[in-house]
C-alpha atoms as a PDB file:
ATOM      1  CA  MET A   1      -7.601 -22.682 -30.672  1.00  0.00           C
ATOM      2  CA  LYS A   2      -7.461 -24.941 -27.633  1.00  0.00           C
ATOM      3  CA  GLU A   3     -10.797 -25.938 -26.086  1.00  0.00           C
ATOM      4  CA  MET A   4     -11.235 -25.829 -22.328  1.00  0.00           C
ATOM      5  CA  PRO A   5     -12.507 -28.948 -20.583  1.00  0.00           C
ATOM      6  CA  GLU A   6     -16.211 -28.874 -19.724  1.00  0.00           C
ATOM      7  CA  GLU A   7     -15.688 -28.760 -15.944  1.00  0.00           C
ATOM      8  CA  THR A   8     -13.508 -25.618 -16.127  1.00  0.00           C
ATOM      9  CA  LYS A   9     -15.945 -23.615 -18.250  1.00  0.00           C
ATOM     10  CA  LYS A  10     -17.929 -21.107 -16.261  1.00  0.00           C
ATOM     11  CA  GLU A  11     -21.463 -20.039 -16.908  1.00  0.00           C
ATOM     12  CA  PRO A  12     -21.998 -16.325 -17.318  1.00  0.00           C
ATOM     13  CA  ALA A  13     -23.336 -14.781 -14.142  1.00  0.00           C
ATOM     14  CA  SER A  14     -26.981 -13.914 -14.136  1.00  0.00           C
ATOM     15  CA  GLY A  15     -28.011 -10.511 -12.840  1.00  0.00           C
ATOM     16  CA  SER A  16     -26.320  -7.194 -13.094  1.00  0.00           C
ATOM     17  CA  LEU A  17     -23.952  -5.094 -11.050  1.00  0.00           C
ATOM     18  CA  THR A  18     -25.848  -2.030  -9.959  1.00  0.00           C
ATOM     19  CA  GLY A  19     -25.552   0.415  -7.098  1.00  0.00           C
ATOM     20  CA  ALA A  20     -28.738  -0.956  -5.569  1.00  0.00           C
ATOM     21  CA  ALA A  21     -27.212  -4.438  -5.447  1.00  0.00           C
ATOM     22  CA  LEU A  22     -24.361  -3.237  -3.218  1.00  0.00           C
ATOM     23  CA  GLU A  23     -26.158  -2.082  -0.100  1.00  0.00           C
ATOM     24  CA  ALA A  24     -24.037  -1.602   3.035  1.00  0.00           C
ATOM     25  CA  GLU A  25     -26.317  -3.831   5.079  1.00  0.00           C
ATOM     26  CA  ASP A  26     -25.874  -6.679   2.600  1.00  0.00           C
ATOM     27  CA  VAL A  27     -22.106  -6.328   2.535  1.00  0.00           C
ATOM     28  CA  LEU A  28     -21.773  -6.147   6.329  1.00  0.00           C
ATOM     29  CA  ALA A  29     -24.355  -8.848   7.091  1.00  0.00           C
ATOM     30  CA  GLY A  30     -21.815 -11.573   7.961  1.00  0.00           C
ATOM     31  CA  ALA A  31     -19.062  -9.351   9.358  1.00  0.00           C
ATOM     32  CA  GLU A  32     -17.486 -10.094  12.719  1.00  0.00           C
ATOM     33  CA  PRO A  33     -17.556  -7.374  15.395  1.00  0.00           C
ATOM     34  CA  TRP A  34     -14.499  -5.106  15.571  1.00  0.00           C
ATOM     35  CA  GLU A  35     -12.440  -5.847  18.692  1.00  0.00           C
ATOM     36  CA  PRO A  36     -10.735  -3.065  20.694  1.00  0.00           C
ATOM     37  CA  VAL A  37      -7.364  -4.789  20.280  1.00  0.00           C
ATOM     38  CA  GLU A  38      -7.770  -4.489  16.500  1.00  0.00           C
ATOM     39  CA  THR A  39      -8.338  -0.756  16.854  1.00  0.00           C
ATOM     40  CA  LYS A  40      -5.150  -0.446  18.910  1.00  0.00           C
ATOM     41  CA  LEU A  41      -3.248  -2.483  16.338  1.00  0.00           C
ATOM     42  CA  VAL A  42      -4.355  -0.220  13.492  1.00  0.00           C
ATOM     43  CA  VAL A  43      -3.638   2.989  15.422  1.00  0.00           C
ATOM     44  CA  TRP A  44      -0.182   1.872  16.537  1.00  0.00           C
ATOM     45  CA  SER A  45       0.654   0.691  13.016  1.00  0.00           C
ATOM     46  CA  LEU A  46      -0.196   4.143  11.673  1.00  0.00           C
ATOM     47  CA  VAL A  47       1.834   5.836  14.429  1.00  0.00           C
ATOM     48  CA  ILE A  48       4.865   3.649  13.693  1.00  0.00           C
ATOM     49  CA  ALA A  49       4.512   4.323   9.963  1.00  0.00           C
ATOM     50  CA  ALA A  50       4.359   8.083  10.577  1.00  0.00           C
ATOM     51  CA  VAL A  51       7.444   7.977  12.802  1.00  0.00           C
ATOM     52  CA  ALA A  52       9.337   5.915  10.218  1.00  0.00           C
ATOM     53  CA  LEU A  53       8.334   8.405   7.516  1.00  0.00           C
ATOM     54  CA  ILE A  54       9.551  11.366   9.567  1.00  0.00           C
ATOM     55  CA  ILE A  55      12.851   9.628  10.360  1.00  0.00           C
ATOM     56  CA  GLY A  56      13.270   8.760   6.694  1.00  0.00           C
ATOM     57  CA  LEU A  57      12.588  12.342   5.633  1.00  0.00           C
ATOM     58  CA  ILE A  58      15.287  13.533   8.038  1.00  0.00           C
ATOM     59  CA  VAL A  59      17.932  10.863   7.383  1.00  0.00           C
ATOM     60  CA  VAL A  60      17.773  10.567   3.592  1.00  0.00           C
ATOM     61  CA  PRO A  61      18.276  14.243   2.678  1.00  0.00           C
ATOM     62  CA  THR A  62      21.074  14.661   5.226  1.00  0.00           C
ATOM     63  CA  SER A  63      22.837  11.539   3.989  1.00  0.00           C
ATOM     64  CA  ILE A  64      22.644  12.780   0.382  1.00  0.00           C
ATOM     65  CA  LEU A  65      23.981  16.227   1.326  1.00  0.00           C
ATOM     66  CA  HIS A  66      26.943  14.801   3.275  1.00  0.00           C
ATOM     67  CA  THR A  67      28.296  12.546   0.533  1.00  0.00           C
ATOM     68  CA  SER A  68      31.583  13.579  -1.070  1.00  0.00           C
END
């Protein structure tokens, strides 16, 4: 078996992964504020995706039914 060089070996992490370790305040501590333009971007992306889905649901079945 091939040995890994010393500098690439990782030490096992100390501590444990528990629900108490993942508090929302800790996770969001360094987060940037949400800008209104980002909200508009997300909303318009979802609207465009919904419109594309509706168009696809109309075009695909009709194109399959009209093939000879």
